[in-house]
Amino acid sequence: MDWINLTQQQQIEKMDLNSFENISLCFKHSTRCSISSMALNRIESEWNNCIATPYYLDLLSFRNLSNIIAEKYDVVHESPQVLLIKNGNCINHLSHNFISMNQINKYING
């Protein structure tokens, strides 16, 4: 699994543009939170060539980008959090123990 690390605002715009060709999965991760680490491990261990493009945001280093994402996609900031972006819109977001590839795939595969 090859995460694209979000470190600049321009990358959010690129993630948004990508969502018109392929669903973008944005994982917002708090590196100090055990629930966030469990969610990250769950995604990585269950990924199995998911068709979404995976983006990773370190919340502690780039909280400003998380705020931009929350405003852009009209979602309340949570941590950990997964946003699924399709055609420039957030089609679903999951947080905490609800984050799993089973739940994610329900929205990606229809």
PDB file of N, CA and C in Angstrom:
ATOM      1  N   MET A   1       0.845  -1.171   0.000  1.00  0.00           N
ATOM      2  CA  MET A   1       0.000   0.000   0.000  1.00  0.00           C
ATOM      3  C   MET A   1       0.891   1.235   0.000  1.00  0.00           C
ATOM      4  N   ASP A   2       0.664   2.119  -0.943  1.00  0.00           N
ATOM      5  CA  ASP A   2       1.484   3.314  -1.080  1.00  0.00           C
ATOM      6  C   ASP A   2       0.683   4.567  -0.739  1.00  0.00           C
ATOM      7  N   TRP A   3       0.830   5.039   0.503  1.00  0.00           N
ATOM      8  CA  TRP A   3       0.160   6.257   0.933  1.00  0.00           C
ATOM      9  C   TRP A   3       0.774   7.459   0.237  1.00  0.00           C
ATOM     10  N   ILE A   4      -0.054   8.421  -0.105  1.00  0.00           N
ATOM     11  CA  ILE A   4       0.417   9.725  -0.563  1.00  0.00           C
ATOM     12  C   ILE A   4       0.296  10.649   0.643  1.00  0.00           C
ATOM     13  N   ASN A   5       1.426  11.120   1.141  1.00  0.00           N
ATOM     14  CA  ASN A   5       1.438  11.965   2.332  1.00  0.00           C
ATOM     15  C   ASN A   5       0.996  13.382   1.981  1.00  0.00           C
ATOM     16  N   LEU A   6      -0.009  13.853   2.701  1.00  0.00           N
ATOM     17  CA  LEU A   6      -0.479  15.221   2.524  1.00  0.00           C
ATOM     18  C   LEU A   6       0.323  16.142   3.429  1.00  0.00           C
ATOM     19  N   THR A   7       1.077  17.040   2.817  1.00  0.00           N
ATOM     20  CA  THR A   7       1.913  17.963   3.577  1.00  0.00           C
ATOM     21  C   THR A   7       1.728  19.409   3.120  1.00  0.00           C
ATOM     22  N   GLN A   8       1.003  19.609   2.005  1.00  0.00           N
ATOM     23  CA  GLN A   8       0.794  20.945   1.458  1.00  0.00           C
ATOM     24  C   GLN A   8      -0.630  21.082   0.949  1.00  0.00           C
ATOM     25  N   GLN A   9      -1.146  22.300   0.990  1.00  0.00           N
ATOM     26  CA  GLN A   9      -2.519  22.549   0.564  1.00  0.00           C
ATOM     27  C   GLN A   9      -2.740  22.168  -0.907  1.00  0.00           C
ATOM     28  N   GLN A  10      -1.734  22.344  -1.756  1.00  0.00           N
ATOM     29  CA  GLN A  10      -1.870  22.003  -3.167  1.00  0.00           C
ATOM     30  C   GLN A  10      -2.180  20.518  -3.355  1.00  0.00           C
ATOM     31  N   GLN A  11      -1.708  19.687  -2.438  1.00  0.00           N
ATOM     32  CA  GLN A  11      -1.974  18.255  -2.531  1.00  0.00           C
ATOM     33  C   GLN A  11      -3.445  17.943  -2.266  1.00  0.00           C
ATOM     34  N   ILE A  12      -4.101  18.753  -1.461  1.00  0.00           N
ATOM     35  CA  ILE A  12      -5.538  18.570  -1.232  1.00  0.00           C
ATOM     36  C   ILE A  12      -6.282  18.837  -2.533  1.00  0.00           C
ATOM     37  N   GLU A  13      -5.864  19.861  -3.249  1.00  0.00           N
ATOM     38  CA  GLU A  13      -6.469  20.169  -4.550  1.00  0.00           C
ATOM     39  C   GLU A  13      -6.237  19.021  -5.532  1.00  0.00           C
ATOM     40  N   LYS A  14      -5.046  18.444  -5.501  1.00  0.00           N
ATOM     41  CA  LYS A  14      -4.744  17.314  -6.381  1.00  0.00           C
ATOM     42  C   LYS A  14      -5.579  16.089  -5.991  1.00  0.00           C
ATOM     43  N   MET A  15      -5.737  15.852  -4.685  1.00  0.00           N
ATOM     44  CA  MET A  15      -6.583  14.751  -4.208  1.00  0.00           C
ATOM     45  C   MET A  15      -8.012  14.949  -4.707  1.00  0.00           C
ATOM     46  N   ASP A  16      -8.480  16.178  -4.648  1.00  0.00           N
ATOM     47  CA  ASP A  16      -9.822  16.507  -5.106  1.00  0.00           C
ATOM     48  C   ASP A  16      -9.958  16.245  -6.607  1.00  0.00           C
ATOM     49  N   LEU A  17      -9.004  16.688  -7.402  1.00  0.00           N
ATOM     50  CA  LEU A  17      -9.034  16.457  -8.851  1.00  0.00           C
ATOM     51  C   LEU A  17      -8.965  14.972  -9.174  1.00  0.00           C
ATOM     52  N   ASN A  18      -8.148  14.246  -8.444  1.00  0.00           N
ATOM     53  CA  ASN A  18      -8.025  12.799  -8.648  1.00  0.00           C
ATOM     54  C   ASN A  18      -9.363  12.102  -8.440  1.00  0.00           C
ATOM     55  N   SER A  19     -10.185  12.647  -7.555  1.00  0.00           N
ATOM     56  CA  SER A  19     -11.454  11.990  -7.212  1.00  0.00           C
ATOM     57  C   SER A  19     -12.439  11.949  -8.375  1.00  0.00           C
ATOM     58  N   PHE A  20     -12.165  12.686  -9.446  1.00  0.00           N
ATOM     59  CA  PHE A  20     -13.011  12.631 -10.633  1.00  0.00           C
ATOM     60  C   PHE A  20     -12.655  11.431 -11.508  1.00  0.00           C
ATOM     61  N   GLU A  21     -11.481  10.838 -11.270  1.00  0.00           N
ATOM     62  CA  GLU A  21     -11.057   9.651 -12.011  1.00  0.00           C
ATOM     63  C   GLU A  21     -11.103   8.396 -11.151  1.00  0.00           C
ATOM     64  N   ASN A  22     -10.835   8.564  -9.869  1.00  0.00           N
ATOM     65  CA  ASN A  22     -10.733   7.439  -8.950  1.00  0.00           C
ATOM     66  C   ASN A  22     -11.089   7.956  -7.551  1.00  0.00           C
ATOM     67  N   ILE A  23     -11.791   7.197  -6.775  1.00  0.00           N
ATOM     68  CA  ILE A  23     -12.138   7.632  -5.425  1.00  0.00           C
ATOM     69  C   ILE A  23     -10.865   7.877  -4.619  1.00  0.00           C
ATOM     70  N   SER A  24     -10.830   9.000  -3.919  1.00  0.00           N
ATOM     71  CA  SER A  24      -9.718   9.320  -3.027  1.00  0.00           C
ATOM     72  C   SER A  24     -10.113   8.952  -1.603  1.00  0.00           C
ATOM     73  N   LEU A  25      -9.236   8.232  -0.928  1.00  0.00           N
ATOM     74  CA  LEU A  25      -9.428   7.885   0.475  1.00  0.00           C
ATOM     75  C   LEU A  25      -8.440   8.715   1.278  1.00  0.00           C
ATOM     76  N   CYS A  26      -8.953   9.559   2.153  1.00  0.00           N
ATOM     77  CA  CYS A  26      -8.099  10.403   2.984  1.00  0.00           C
ATOM     78  C   CYS A  26      -8.172   9.899   4.425  1.00  0.00           C
ATOM     79  N   PHE A  27      -7.039   9.426   4.937  1.00  0.00           N
ATOM     80  CA  PHE A  27      -6.967   8.952   6.318  1.00  0.00           C
ATOM     81  C   PHE A  27      -6.274  10.014   7.155  1.00  0.00           C
ATOM     82  N   LYS A  28      -7.003  10.562   8.119  1.00  0.00           N
ATOM     83  CA  LYS A  28      -6.457  11.567   9.038  1.00  0.00           C
ATOM     84  C   LYS A  28      -6.050  10.845  10.323  1.00  0.00           C
ATOM     85  N   HIS A  29      -4.744  10.865  10.608  1.00  0.00           N
ATOM     86  CA  HIS A  29      -4.156  10.039  11.654  1.00  0.00           C
ATOM     87  C   HIS A  29      -3.482  10.874  12.734  1.00  0.00           C
ATOM     88  N   SER A  30      -3.812  10.562  13.979  1.00  0.00           N
ATOM     89  CA  SER A  30      -3.106  11.144  15.109  1.00  0.00           C
ATOM     90  C   SER A  30      -2.069  10.129  15.578  1.00  0.00           C
ATOM     91  N   THR A  31      -0.813  10.475  15.427  1.00  0.00           N
ATOM     92  CA  THR A  31       0.265   9.536  15.741  1.00  0.00           C
ATOM     93  C   THR A  31       0.395   9.245  17.231  1.00  0.00           C
ATOM     94  N   ARG A  32      -0.305   9.982  18.080  1.00  0.00           N
ATOM     95  CA  ARG A  32      -0.256   9.739  19.529  1.00  0.00           C
ATOM     96  C   ARG A  32      -1.459   8.956  20.038  1.00  0.00           C
ATOM     97  N   CYS A  33      -2.370   8.598  19.163  1.00  0.00           N
ATOM     98  CA  CYS A  33      -3.617   7.977  19.592  1.00  0.00           C
ATOM     99  C   CYS A  33      -3.626   6.484  19.263  1.00  0.00           C
ATOM    100  N   SER A  34      -3.885   5.652  20.256  1.00  0.00           N
ATOM    101  CA  SER A  34      -3.888   4.201  20.030  1.00  0.00           C
ATOM    102  C   SER A  34      -5.054   3.773  19.134  1.00  0.00           C
ATOM    103  N   ILE A  35      -6.195   4.428  19.234  1.00  0.00           N
ATOM    104  CA  ILE A  35      -7.330   4.087  18.359  1.00  0.00           C
ATOM    105  C   ILE A  35      -6.978   4.421  16.917  1.00  0.00           C
ATOM    106  N   SER A  36      -6.308   5.542  16.714  1.00  0.00           N
ATOM    107  CA  SER A  36      -5.891   5.926  15.373  1.00  0.00           C
ATOM    108  C   SER A  36      -4.884   4.916  14.809  1.00  0.00           C
ATOM    109  N   SER A  37      -3.964   4.476  15.634  1.00  0.00           N
ATOM    110  CA  SER A  37      -2.988   3.468  15.192  1.00  0.00           C
ATOM    111  C   SER A  37      -3.662   2.154  14.837  1.00  0.00           C
ATOM    112  N   MET A  38      -4.668   1.761  15.624  1.00  0.00           N
ATOM    113  CA  MET A  38      -5.414   0.533  15.309  1.00  0.00           C
ATOM    114  C   MET A  38      -6.150   0.681  13.985  1.00  0.00           C
ATOM    115  N   ALA A  39      -6.757   1.835  13.739  1.00  0.00           N
ATOM    116  CA  ALA A  39      -7.478   2.069  12.491  1.00  0.00           C
ATOM    117  C   ALA A  39      -6.518   2.030  11.307  1.00  0.00           C
ATOM    118  N   LEU A  40      -5.359   2.635  11.449  1.00  0.00           N
ATOM    119  CA  LEU A  40      -4.350   2.604  10.395  1.00  0.00           C
ATOM    120  C   LEU A  40      -3.923   1.174  10.112  1.00  0.00           C
ATOM    121  N   ASN A  41      -3.642   0.402  11.147  1.00  0.00           N
ATOM    122  CA  ASN A  41      -3.251  -1.002  10.958  1.00  0.00           C
ATOM    123  C   ASN A  41      -4.350  -1.805  10.284  1.00  0.00           C
ATOM    124  N   ARG A  42      -5.597  -1.538  10.659  1.00  0.00           N
ATOM    125  CA  ARG A  42      -6.736  -2.244  10.057  1.00  0.00           C
ATOM    126  C   ARG A  42      -6.810  -1.963   8.555  1.00  0.00           C
ATOM    127  N   ILE A  43      -6.674  -0.705   8.181  1.00  0.00           N
ATOM    128  CA  ILE A  43      -6.714  -0.346   6.760  1.00  0.00           C
ATOM    129  C   ILE A  43      -5.572  -1.023   6.014  1.00  0.00           C
ATOM    130  N   GLU A  44      -4.378  -0.905   6.548  1.00  0.00           N
ATOM    131  CA  GLU A  44      -3.207  -1.455   5.845  1.00  0.00           C
ATOM    132  C   GLU A  44      -3.260  -2.976   5.734  1.00  0.00           C
ATOM    133  N   SER A  45      -3.737  -3.652   6.755  1.00  0.00           N
ATOM    134  CA  SER A  45      -3.763  -5.118   6.713  1.00  0.00           C
ATOM    135  C   SER A  45      -4.904  -5.662   5.860  1.00  0.00           C
ATOM    136  N   GLU A  46      -5.956  -4.854   5.662  1.00  0.00           N
ATOM    137  CA  GLU A  46      -7.118  -5.310   4.901  1.00  0.00           C
ATOM    138  C   GLU A  46      -7.193  -4.678   3.506  1.00  0.00           C
ATOM    139  N   TRP A  47      -6.194  -3.922   3.103  1.00  0.00           N
ATOM    140  CA  TRP A  47      -6.252  -3.120   1.878  1.00  0.00           C
ATOM    141  C   TRP A  47      -6.553  -3.959   0.641  1.00  0.00           C
ATOM    142  N   ASN A  48      -5.796  -5.010   0.391  1.00  0.00           N
ATOM    143  CA  ASN A  48      -6.031  -5.942  -0.725  1.00  0.00           C
ATOM    144  C   ASN A  48      -6.333  -5.254  -2.053  1.00  0.00           C
ATOM    145  N   ASN A  49      -5.451  -4.384  -2.486  1.00  0.00           N
ATOM    146  CA  ASN A  49      -5.578  -3.731  -3.791  1.00  0.00           C
ATOM    147  C   ASN A  49      -6.890  -2.980  -3.984  1.00  0.00           C
ATOM    148  N   CYS A  50      -7.303  -2.301  -2.970  1.00  0.00           N
ATOM    149  CA  CYS A  50      -8.489  -1.448  -3.047  1.00  0.00           C
ATOM    150  C   CYS A  50      -8.306  -0.467  -4.208  1.00  0.00           C
ATOM    151  N   ILE A  51      -9.385  -0.132  -4.886  1.00  0.00           N
ATOM    152  CA  ILE A  51      -9.268   0.730  -6.069  1.00  0.00           C
ATOM    153  C   ILE A  51      -9.144   2.215  -5.733  1.00  0.00           C
ATOM    154  N   ALA A  52      -9.325   2.596  -4.487  1.00  0.00           N
ATOM    155  CA  ALA A  52      -9.194   4.007  -4.100  1.00  0.00           C
ATOM    156  C   ALA A  52      -7.722   4.419  -4.064  1.00  0.00           C
ATOM    157  N   THR A  53      -7.487   5.703  -4.238  1.00  0.00           N
ATOM    158  CA  THR A  53      -6.149   6.254  -4.085  1.00  0.00           C
ATOM    159  C   THR A  53      -5.993   6.717  -2.635  1.00  0.00           C
ATOM    160  N   PRO A  54      -5.025   6.150  -1.886  1.00  0.00           N
ATOM    161  CA  PRO A  54      -4.918   6.447  -0.457  1.00  0.00           C
ATOM    162  C   PRO A  54      -4.044   7.666  -0.133  1.00  0.00           C
ATOM    163  N   TYR A  55      -4.608   8.580   0.624  1.00  0.00           N
ATOM    164  CA  TYR A  55      -3.903   9.767   1.098  1.00  0.00           C
ATOM    165  C   TYR A  55      -3.827   9.702   2.619  1.00  0.00           C
ATOM    166  N   TYR A  56      -2.696  10.135   3.150  1.00  0.00           N
ATOM    167  CA  TYR A  56      -2.421  10.056   4.589  1.00  0.00           C
ATOM    168  C   TYR A  56      -2.104  11.452   5.112  1.00  0.00           C
ATOM    169  N   LEU A  57      -2.762  11.830   6.198  1.00  0.00           N
ATOM    170  CA  LEU A  57      -2.506  13.122   6.819  1.00  0.00           C
ATOM    171  C   LEU A  57      -2.123  12.924   8.277  1.00  0.00           C
ATOM    172  N   ASP A  58      -0.914  13.336   8.634  1.00  0.00           N
ATOM    173  CA  ASP A  58      -0.445  13.330  10.021  1.00  0.00           C
ATOM    174  C   ASP A  58      -1.034  14.567  10.691  1.00  0.00           C
ATOM    175  N   LEU A  59      -2.032  14.353  11.540  1.00  0.00           N
ATOM    176  CA  LEU A  59      -2.752  15.468  12.155  1.00  0.00           C
ATOM    177  C   LEU A  59      -1.892  16.316  13.073  1.00  0.00           C
ATOM    178  N   LEU A  60      -0.947  15.708  13.730  1.00  0.00           N
ATOM    179  CA  LEU A  60      -0.133  16.467  14.670  1.00  0.00           C
ATOM    180  C   LEU A  60       0.819  17.416  13.946  1.00  0.00           C
ATOM    181  N   SER A  61       1.309  17.006  12.797  1.00  0.00           N
ATOM    182  CA  SER A  61       2.229  17.843  12.034  1.00  0.00           C
ATOM    183  C   SER A  61       1.509  18.830  11.111  1.00  0.00           C
ATOM    184  N   PHE A  62       0.294  18.462  10.658  1.00  0.00           N
ATOM    185  CA  PHE A  62      -0.387  19.261   9.643  1.00  0.00           C
ATOM    186  C   PHE A  62      -1.850  19.504   9.998  1.00  0.00           C
ATOM    187  N   ARG A  63      -2.100  19.958  11.222  1.00  0.00           N
ATOM    188  CA  ARG A  63      -3.473  20.206  11.669  1.00  0.00           C
ATOM    189  C   ARG A  63      -4.158  21.248  10.789  1.00  0.00           C
ATOM    190  N   ASN A  64      -3.405  22.219  10.278  1.00  0.00           N
ATOM    191  CA  ASN A  64      -3.990  23.231   9.410  1.00  0.00           C
ATOM    192  C   ASN A  64      -4.603  22.598   8.158  1.00  0.00           C
ATOM    193  N   LEU A  65      -3.983  21.547   7.634  1.00  0.00           N
ATOM    194  CA  LEU A  65      -4.530  20.868   6.453  1.00  0.00           C
ATOM    195  C   LEU A  65      -5.812  20.122   6.815  1.00  0.00           C
ATOM    196  N   SER A  66      -5.866  19.573   8.016  1.00  0.00           N
ATOM    197  CA  SER A  66      -7.085  18.909   8.465  1.00  0.00           C
ATOM    198  C   SER A  66      -8.239  19.899   8.530  1.00  0.00           C
ATOM    199  N   ASN A  67      -7.963  21.100   9.005  1.00  0.00           N
ATOM    200  CA  ASN A  67      -8.995  22.130   9.060  1.00  0.00           C
ATOM    201  C   ASN A  67      -9.476  22.512   7.667  1.00  0.00           C
ATOM    202  N   ILE A  68      -8.558  22.604   6.727  1.00  0.00           N
ATOM    203  CA  ILE A  68      -8.915  22.912   5.340  1.00  0.00           C
ATOM    204  C   ILE A  68      -9.794  21.807   4.766  1.00  0.00           C
ATOM    205  N   ILE A  69      -9.431  20.557   5.027  1.00  0.00           N
ATOM    206  CA  ILE A  69     -10.213  19.413   4.544  1.00  0.00           C
ATOM    207  C   ILE A  69     -11.610  19.422   5.157  1.00  0.00           C
ATOM    208  N   ALA A  70     -11.697  19.665   6.460  1.00  0.00           N
ATOM    209  CA  ALA A  70     -13.000  19.694   7.134  1.00  0.00           C
ATOM    210  C   ALA A  70     -13.902  20.756   6.521  1.00  0.00           C
ATOM    211  N   GLU A  71     -13.345  21.919   6.266  1.00  0.00           N
ATOM    212  CA  GLU A  71     -14.143  23.003   5.678  1.00  0.00           C
ATOM    213  C   GLU A  71     -14.510  22.699   4.224  1.00  0.00           C
ATOM    214  N   LYS A  72     -13.542  22.247   3.459  1.00  0.00           N
ATOM    215  CA  LYS A  72     -13.762  21.976   2.031  1.00  0.00           C
ATOM    216  C   LYS A  72     -14.855  20.934   1.811  1.00  0.00           C
ATOM    217  N   TYR A  73     -14.835  19.872   2.618  1.00  0.00           N
ATOM    218  CA  TYR A  73     -15.781  18.766   2.418  1.00  0.00           C
ATOM    219  C   TYR A  73     -16.943  18.798   3.405  1.00  0.00           C
ATOM    220  N   ASP A  74     -17.031  19.858   4.195  1.00  0.00           N
ATOM    221  CA  ASP A  74     -18.155  20.080   5.109  1.00  0.00           C
ATOM    222  C   ASP A  74     -18.356  18.900   6.069  1.00  0.00           C
ATOM    223  N   VAL A  75     -17.261  18.507   6.723  1.00  0.00           N
ATOM    224  CA  VAL A  75     -17.319  17.446   7.726  1.00  0.00           C
ATOM    225  C   VAL A  75     -16.711  17.963   9.026  1.00  0.00           C
ATOM    226  N   VAL A  76     -17.208  17.475  10.129  1.00  0.00           N
ATOM    227  CA  VAL A  76     -16.641  17.815  11.429  1.00  0.00           C
ATOM    228  C   VAL A  76     -15.324  17.070  11.582  1.00  0.00           C
ATOM    229  N   HIS A  77     -14.296  17.764  12.035  1.00  0.00           N
ATOM    230  CA  HIS A  77     -12.998  17.127  12.256  1.00  0.00           C
ATOM    231  C   HIS A  77     -13.108  16.069  13.345  1.00  0.00           C
ATOM    232  N   GLU A  78     -12.590  14.880  13.039  1.00  0.00           N
ATOM    233  CA  GLU A  78     -12.459  13.817  14.033  1.00  0.00           C
ATOM    234  C   GLU A  78     -11.107  13.158  13.831  1.00  0.00           C
ATOM    235  N   SER A  79     -10.699  12.394  14.822  1.00  0.00           N
ATOM    236  CA  SER A  79      -9.431  11.694  14.738  1.00  0.00           C
ATOM    237  C   SER A  79      -9.528  10.382  15.505  1.00  0.00           C
ATOM    238  N   PRO A  80      -9.218   9.299  14.813  1.00  0.00           N
ATOM    239  CA  PRO A  80      -8.903   9.184  13.393  1.00  0.00           C
ATOM    240  C   PRO A  80     -10.159   9.358  12.547  1.00  0.00           C
ATOM    241  N   GLN A  81      -9.930   9.609  11.275  1.00  0.00           N
ATOM    242  CA  GLN A  81     -11.055   9.808  10.368  1.00  0.00           C
ATOM    243  C   GLN A  81     -10.654   9.410   8.952  1.00  0.00           C
ATOM    244  N   VAL A  82     -11.603   8.794   8.249  1.00  0.00           N
ATOM    245  CA  VAL A  82     -11.443   8.487   6.834  1.00  0.00           C
ATOM    246  C   VAL A  82     -12.512   9.245   6.077  1.00  0.00           C
ATOM    247  N   LEU A  83     -12.100   9.930   5.023  1.00  0.00           N
ATOM    248  CA  LEU A  83     -13.037  10.568   4.110  1.00  0.00           C
ATOM    249  C   LEU A  83     -12.907   9.891   2.760  1.00  0.00           C
ATOM    250  N   LEU A  84     -14.024   9.605   2.139  1.00  0.00           N
ATOM    251  CA  LEU A  84     -14.044   9.072   0.780  1.00  0.00           C
ATOM    252  C   LEU A  84     -14.536  10.187  -0.130  1.00  0.00           C
ATOM    253  N   ILE A  85     -13.679  10.568  -1.081  1.00  0.00           N
ATOM    254  CA  ILE A  85     -13.956  11.691  -1.960  1.00  0.00           C
ATOM    255  C   ILE A  85     -14.183  11.170  -3.372  1.00  0.00           C
ATOM    256  N   LYS A  86     -15.333  11.535  -3.945  1.00  0.00           N
ATOM    257  CA  LYS A  86     -15.668  11.140  -5.310  1.00  0.00           C
ATOM    258  C   LYS A  86     -16.244  12.348  -6.033  1.00  0.00           C
ATOM    259  N   ASN A  87     -15.703  12.627  -7.210  1.00  0.00           N
ATOM    260  CA  ASN A  87     -16.155  13.767  -8.016  1.00  0.00           C
ATOM    261  C   ASN A  87     -16.161  15.071  -7.211  1.00  0.00           C
ATOM    262  N   GLY A  88     -15.149  15.234  -6.367  1.00  0.00           N
ATOM    263  CA  GLY A  88     -14.994  16.462  -5.611  1.00  0.00           C
ATOM    264  C   GLY A  88     -15.878  16.596  -4.385  1.00  0.00           C
ATOM    265  N   ASN A  89     -16.589  15.543  -4.028  1.00  0.00           N
ATOM    266  CA  ASN A  89     -17.475  15.576  -2.870  1.00  0.00           C
ATOM    267  C   ASN A  89     -17.147  14.441  -1.914  1.00  0.00           C
ATOM    268  N   CYS A  90     -17.324  14.695  -0.630  1.00  0.00           N
ATOM    269  CA  CYS A  90     -17.163  13.640   0.364  1.00  0.00           C
ATOM    270  C   CYS A  90     -18.431  12.786   0.340  1.00  0.00           C
ATOM    271  N   ILE A  91     -18.291  11.532  -0.094  1.00  0.00           N
ATOM    272  CA  ILE A  91     -19.458  10.648  -0.182  1.00  0.00           C
ATOM    273  C   ILE A  91     -19.696   9.881   1.112  1.00  0.00           C
ATOM    274  N   ASN A  92     -18.685   9.847   1.970  1.00  0.00           N
ATOM    275  CA  ASN A  92     -18.840   9.230   3.283  1.00  0.00           C
ATOM    276  C   ASN A  92     -17.615   9.542   4.122  1.00  0.00           C
ATOM    277  N   HIS A  93     -17.808   9.552   5.423  1.00  0.00           N
ATOM    278  CA  HIS A  93     -16.671   9.684   6.332  1.00  0.00           C
ATOM    279  C   HIS A  93     -16.938   8.792   7.539  1.00  0.00           C
ATOM    280  N   LEU A  94     -15.865   8.199   8.018  1.00  0.00           N
ATOM    281  CA  LEU A  94     -15.918   7.267   9.142  1.00  0.00           C
ATOM    282  C   LEU A  94     -14.901   7.711  10.178  1.00  0.00           C
ATOM    283  N   SER A  95     -15.185   7.398  11.426  1.00  0.00           N
ATOM    284  CA  SER A  95     -14.209   7.730  12.457  1.00  0.00           C
ATOM    285  C   SER A  95     -14.107   6.608  13.484  1.00  0.00           C
ATOM    286  N   HIS A  96     -13.028   6.670  14.228  1.00  0.00           N
ATOM    287  CA  HIS A  96     -12.730   5.772  15.339  1.00  0.00           C
ATOM    288  C   HIS A  96     -12.907   4.298  14.959  1.00  0.00           C
ATOM    289  N   ASN A  97     -13.655   3.546  15.751  1.00  0.00           N
ATOM    290  CA  ASN A  97     -13.777   2.104  15.539  1.00  0.00           C
ATOM    291  C   ASN A  97     -14.652   1.725  14.345  1.00  0.00           C
ATOM    292  N   PHE A  98     -15.268   2.700  13.699  1.00  0.00           N
ATOM    293  CA  PHE A  98     -16.064   2.415  12.508  1.00  0.00           C
ATOM    294  C   PHE A  98     -15.193   2.319  11.251  1.00  0.00           C
ATOM    295  N   ILE A  99     -13.919   2.652  11.387  1.00  0.00           N
ATOM    296  CA  ILE A  99     -13.011   2.597  10.248  1.00  0.00           C
ATOM    297  C   ILE A  99     -12.591   1.155   9.999  1.00  0.00           C
ATOM    298  N   SER A 100     -12.998   0.635   8.855  1.00  0.00           N
ATOM    299  CA  SER A 100     -12.579  -0.700   8.427  1.00  0.00           C
ATOM    300  C   SER A 100     -12.724  -0.762   6.911  1.00  0.00           C
ATOM    301  N   MET A 101     -11.985  -1.650   6.284  1.00  0.00           N
ATOM    302  CA  MET A 101     -12.092  -1.787   4.835  1.00  0.00           C
ATOM    303  C   MET A 101     -13.459  -2.325   4.452  1.00  0.00           C
ATOM    304  N   ASN A 102     -14.082  -3.098   5.316  1.00  0.00           N
ATOM    305  CA  ASN A 102     -15.431  -3.580   5.044  1.00  0.00           C
ATOM    306  C   ASN A 102     -16.384  -2.394   4.865  1.00  0.00           C
ATOM    307  N   GLN A 103     -16.331  -1.429   5.788  1.00  0.00           N
ATOM    308  CA  GLN A 103     -17.179  -0.241   5.684  1.00  0.00           C
ATOM    309  C   GLN A 103     -16.781   0.632   4.499  1.00  0.00           C
ATOM    310  N   ILE A 104     -15.493   0.799   4.294  1.00  0.00           N
ATOM    311  CA  ILE A 104     -14.998   1.619   3.184  1.00  0.00           C
ATOM    312  C   ILE A 104     -15.433   1.035   1.843  1.00  0.00           C
ATOM    313  N   ASN A 105     -15.274  -0.280   1.691  1.00  0.00           N
ATOM    314  CA  ASN A 105     -15.634  -0.923   0.431  1.00  0.00           C
ATOM    315  C   ASN A 105     -17.121  -0.851   0.104  1.00  0.00           C
ATOM    316  N   LYS A 106     -17.971  -0.694   1.099  1.00  0.00           N
ATOM    317  CA  LYS A 106     -19.404  -0.535   0.842  1.00  0.00           C
ATOM    318  C   LYS A 106     -19.666   0.695  -0.018  1.00  0.00           C
ATOM    319  N   TYR A 107     -18.870   1.734   0.191  1.00  0.00           N
ATOM    320  CA  TYR A 107     -19.034   2.978  -0.562  1.00  0.00           C
ATOM    321  C   TYR A 107     -18.223   2.991  -1.852  1.00  0.00           C
ATOM    322  N   ILE A 108     -17.102   2.299  -1.852  1.00  0.00           N
ATOM    323  CA  ILE A 108     -16.268   2.280  -3.051  1.00  0.00           C
ATOM    324  C   ILE A 108     -16.870   1.358  -4.110  1.00  0.00           C
ATOM    325  N   ASN A 109     -17.371   0.221  -3.688  1.00  0.00           N
ATOM    326  CA  ASN A 109     -17.885  -0.764  -4.638  1.00  0.00           C
ATOM    327  C   ASN A 109     -19.383  -0.656  -4.870  1.00  0.00           C
ATOM    328  N   GLY A 110     -20.027   0.248  -4.157  1.00  0.00           N
ATOM    329  CA  GLY A 110     -21.465   0.435  -4.351  1.00  0.00           C
ATOM    330  C   GLY A 110     -22.227  -0.528  -3.555  1.00  0.00           C
TER     331      GLY A 110
END
